[in-house]
Amino acid sequence: VQLVESGGGLVQPGASLRLSCEASGFSVDTATMSWVRQAPGKGLEWVSEISSGDGPTSYSDSVKGRFAISRDNVKNTLFLHMNSLRPEDTAVYYCAMNRFGSVRGQGTQVVVSS
């Protein structure tokens, strides 16, 4: 299993970003996958999850209504669409095989600052 995240960057409050997670060694449509994040000086925080198959999605209260998780089964890639970004969204974002982030990629940095 290999997970490679990309798409992070420095943006102003209110901006949008799309994070990508390219997977190999398995098919993303057969796995329940999550995005988790780690803010500076804090522990891992679960952000969003998409279930296998029909893919019901769920979100933490802190991002509900602003973020959307999706996947492209042809590209074998997981996405996190982030809108209305806030300074408190600043973190390293990881795609992971579970909500605890115990199997995850190397992460991509998101900084939200004016």
C-alpha atoms as a PDB file:
ATOM      1  CA  VAL A   1       0.000   0.000   0.000  1.00  0.00           C
ATOM      2  CA  GLN A   2       1.327   3.416  -0.965  1.00  0.00           C
ATOM      3  CA  LEU A   3      -0.401   6.772  -0.541  1.00  0.00           C
ATOM      4  CA  VAL A   4       1.022   9.992  -2.010  1.00  0.00           C
ATOM      5  CA  GLU A   5      -0.655  13.298  -1.187  1.00  0.00           C
ATOM      6  CA  SER A   6      -0.307  16.548  -3.120  1.00  0.00           C
ATOM      7  CA  GLY A   7      -2.051  19.868  -3.654  1.00  0.00           C
ATOM      8  CA  GLY A   8      -1.253  21.737  -0.474  1.00  0.00           C
ATOM      9  CA  GLY A   9       0.017  25.290  -0.341  1.00  0.00           C
ATOM     10  CA  LEU A  10      -0.231  28.760   1.170  1.00  0.00           C
ATOM     11  CA  VAL A  11      -3.610  30.426   0.676  1.00  0.00           C
ATOM     12  CA  GLN A  12      -5.557  33.329   2.117  1.00  0.00           C
ATOM     13  CA  PRO A  13      -8.625  32.875   4.311  1.00  0.00           C
ATOM     14  CA  GLY A  14     -11.693  32.165   2.218  1.00  0.00           C
ATOM     15  CA  ALA A  15      -9.757  30.466  -0.559  1.00  0.00           C
ATOM     16  CA  SER A  16     -10.168  26.940  -1.895  1.00  0.00           C
ATOM     17  CA  LEU A  17      -7.786  24.059  -2.435  1.00  0.00           C
ATOM     18  CA  ARG A  18      -8.091  20.535  -3.766  1.00  0.00           C
ATOM     19  CA  LEU A  19      -5.884  17.886  -2.205  1.00  0.00           C
ATOM     20  CA  SER A  20      -5.132  14.643  -4.040  1.00  0.00           C
ATOM     21  CA  CYS A  21      -4.021  11.255  -2.770  1.00  0.00           C
ATOM     22  CA  GLU A  22      -2.714   8.855  -5.392  1.00  0.00           C
ATOM     23  CA  ALA A  23      -2.995   5.278  -4.199  1.00  0.00           C
ATOM     24  CA  SER A  24      -1.159   2.167  -5.320  1.00  0.00           C
ATOM     25  CA  GLY A  25      -1.236  -1.444  -4.220  1.00  0.00           C
ATOM     26  CA  PHE A  26      -5.017  -1.504  -3.876  1.00  0.00           C
ATOM     27  CA  SER A  27      -8.147  -0.023  -5.444  1.00  0.00           C
ATOM     28  CA  VAL A  28      -9.581   3.038  -3.706  1.00  0.00           C
ATOM     29  CA  ASP A  29     -13.154   1.993  -4.479  1.00  0.00           C
ATOM     30  CA  THR A  30     -12.731  -1.170  -2.389  1.00  0.00           C
ATOM     31  CA  ALA A  31     -11.515   0.609   0.740  1.00  0.00           C
ATOM     32  CA  THR A  32     -13.004   2.958   3.287  1.00  0.00           C
ATOM     33  CA  MET A  33     -10.599   5.873   3.349  1.00  0.00           C
ATOM     34  CA  SER A  34     -10.131   9.000   5.403  1.00  0.00           C
ATOM     35  CA  TRP A  35      -8.432  12.335   5.438  1.00  0.00           C
ATOM     36  CA  VAL A  36      -6.806  13.288   8.725  1.00  0.00           C
ATOM     37  CA  ARG A  37      -4.793  16.378   9.629  1.00  0.00           C
ATOM     38  CA  GLN A  38      -2.245  17.493  12.164  1.00  0.00           C
ATOM     39  CA  ALA A  39      -2.038  21.132  13.138  1.00  0.00           C
ATOM     40  CA  PRO A  40       1.227  22.514  14.548  1.00  0.00           C
ATOM     41  CA  GLY A  41       1.759  21.227  18.068  1.00  0.00           C
ATOM     42  CA  LYS A  42      -1.398  19.085  18.057  1.00  0.00           C
ATOM     43  CA  GLY A  43      -2.327  15.462  17.519  1.00  0.00           C
ATOM     44  CA  LEU A  44      -3.963  13.855  14.524  1.00  0.00           C
ATOM     45  CA  GLU A  45      -7.540  14.945  13.847  1.00  0.00           C
ATOM     46  CA  TRP A  46      -9.950  12.990  11.665  1.00  0.00           C
ATOM     47  CA  VAL A  47     -11.480  15.208   8.956  1.00  0.00           C
ATOM     48  CA  SER A  48     -13.529  13.120   6.539  1.00  0.00           C
ATOM     49  CA  GLU A  49     -14.268   9.577   5.414  1.00  0.00           C
ATOM     50  CA  ILE A  50     -15.625   7.922   2.285  1.00  0.00           C
ATOM     51  CA  SER A  51     -16.873   4.365   2.460  1.00  0.00           C
ATOM     52  CA  SER A  52     -16.131   1.684  -0.071  1.00  0.00           C
ATOM     53  CA  GLY A  53     -18.600   0.839  -2.808  1.00  0.00           C
ATOM     54  CA  ASP A  54     -21.385   3.421  -2.994  1.00  0.00           C
ATOM     55  CA  GLY A  55     -19.256   5.638  -0.795  1.00  0.00           C
ATOM     56  CA  PRO A  56     -21.338   7.283   1.918  1.00  0.00           C
ATOM     57  CA  THR A  57     -19.332  10.199   3.244  1.00  0.00           C
ATOM     58  CA  SER A  58     -18.937  11.740   6.669  1.00  0.00           C
ATOM     59  CA  TYR A  59     -17.244  14.850   8.036  1.00  0.00           C
ATOM     60  CA  SER A  60     -16.064  16.276  11.306  1.00  0.00           C
ATOM     61  CA  ASP A  61     -18.110  19.175  12.642  1.00  0.00           C
ATOM     62  CA  SER A  62     -15.181  21.522  12.066  1.00  0.00           C
ATOM     63  CA  VAL A  63     -15.264  21.055   8.274  1.00  0.00           C
ATOM     64  CA  LYS A  64     -18.853  20.021   7.547  1.00  0.00           C
ATOM     65  CA  GLY A  65     -20.358  22.186   4.819  1.00  0.00           C
ATOM     66  CA  ARG A  66     -16.947  23.433   3.661  1.00  0.00           C
ATOM     67  CA  PHE A  67     -15.014  20.307   2.666  1.00  0.00           C
ATOM     68  CA  ALA A  68     -16.003  17.479   0.330  1.00  0.00           C
ATOM     69  CA  ILE A  69     -14.340  14.092  -0.100  1.00  0.00           C
ATOM     70  CA  SER A  70     -14.485  12.203  -3.376  1.00  0.00           C
ATOM     71  CA  ARG A  71     -12.568   9.661  -5.394  1.00  0.00           C
ATOM     72  CA  ASP A  72     -11.757   8.860  -9.009  1.00  0.00           C
ATOM     73  CA  ASN A  73     -11.742   5.107  -9.412  1.00  0.00           C
ATOM     74  CA  VAL A  74     -10.115   5.275 -12.858  1.00  0.00           C
ATOM     75  CA  LYS A  75      -7.208   7.359 -11.578  1.00  0.00           C
ATOM     76  CA  ASN A  76      -7.219   5.452  -8.271  1.00  0.00           C
ATOM     77  CA  THR A  77      -7.093   8.773  -6.477  1.00  0.00           C
ATOM     78  CA  LEU A  78      -8.793  10.228  -3.410  1.00  0.00           C
ATOM     79  CA  PHE A  79      -9.588  13.950  -3.217  1.00  0.00           C
ATOM     80  CA  LEU A  80     -10.418  16.511  -0.562  1.00  0.00           C
ATOM     81  CA  HIS A  81     -12.076  19.643  -1.880  1.00  0.00           C
ATOM     82  CA  MET A  82     -11.628  22.432   0.657  1.00  0.00           C
ATOM     83  CA  ASN A  83     -13.630  25.658   0.449  1.00  0.00           C
ATOM     84  CA  SER A  84     -13.901  28.724   2.676  1.00  0.00           C
ATOM     85  CA  LEU A  85     -10.562  27.914   4.276  1.00  0.00           C
ATOM     86  CA  ARG A  86      -9.846  29.341   7.710  1.00  0.00           C
ATOM     87  CA  PRO A  87      -6.575  29.909   9.583  1.00  0.00           C
ATOM     88  CA  GLU A  88      -7.537  27.047  11.900  1.00  0.00           C
ATOM     89  CA  ASP A  89      -7.453  24.697   8.896  1.00  0.00           C
ATOM     90  CA  THR A  90      -3.665  25.117   8.801  1.00  0.00           C
ATOM     91  CA  ALA A  91      -2.188  21.634   9.140  1.00  0.00           C
ATOM     92  CA  VAL A  92      -0.445  18.782   7.412  1.00  0.00           C
ATOM     93  CA  TYR A  93      -3.124  16.753   5.660  1.00  0.00           C
ATOM     94  CA  TYR A  94      -2.845  13.000   5.213  1.00  0.00           C
ATOM     95  CA  CYS A  95      -4.946  10.446   3.431  1.00  0.00           C
ATOM     96  CA  ALA A  96      -5.265   7.317   5.494  1.00  0.00           C
ATOM     97  CA  MET A  97      -6.692   3.831   5.565  1.00  0.00           C
ATOM     98  CA  ASN A  98      -8.661   4.545   8.746  1.00  0.00           C
ATOM     99  CA  ARG A  99      -9.844   7.392  10.955  1.00  0.00           C
ATOM    100  CA  PHE A 100      -6.866   6.993  13.275  1.00  0.00           C
ATOM    101  CA  GLY A 101      -4.349   7.645  10.516  1.00  0.00           C
ATOM    102  CA  SER A 102      -2.294   4.615  11.445  1.00  0.00           C
ATOM    103  CA  VAL A 103      -1.613   3.868   7.755  1.00  0.00           C
ATOM    104  CA  ARG A 104      -1.139   7.118   5.899  1.00  0.00           C
ATOM    105  CA  GLY A 105       0.955   8.917   3.337  1.00  0.00           C
ATOM    106  CA  GLN A 106       3.686  11.499   3.857  1.00  0.00           C
ATOM    107  CA  GLY A 107       1.230  14.378   3.964  1.00  0.00           C
ATOM    108  CA  THR A 108       0.814  17.733   2.247  1.00  0.00           C
ATOM    109  CA  GLN A 109       1.085  21.084   4.052  1.00  0.00           C
ATOM    110  CA  VAL A 110      -1.783  23.552   4.011  1.00  0.00           C
ATOM    111  CA  VAL A 111      -1.234  27.035   5.408  1.00  0.00           C
ATOM    112  CA  VAL A 112      -4.133  29.479   5.588  1.00  0.00           C
ATOM    113  CA  SER A 113      -2.902  32.965   6.372  1.00  0.00           C
ATOM    114  CA  SER A 114      -3.384  36.550   5.285  1.00  0.00           C
END
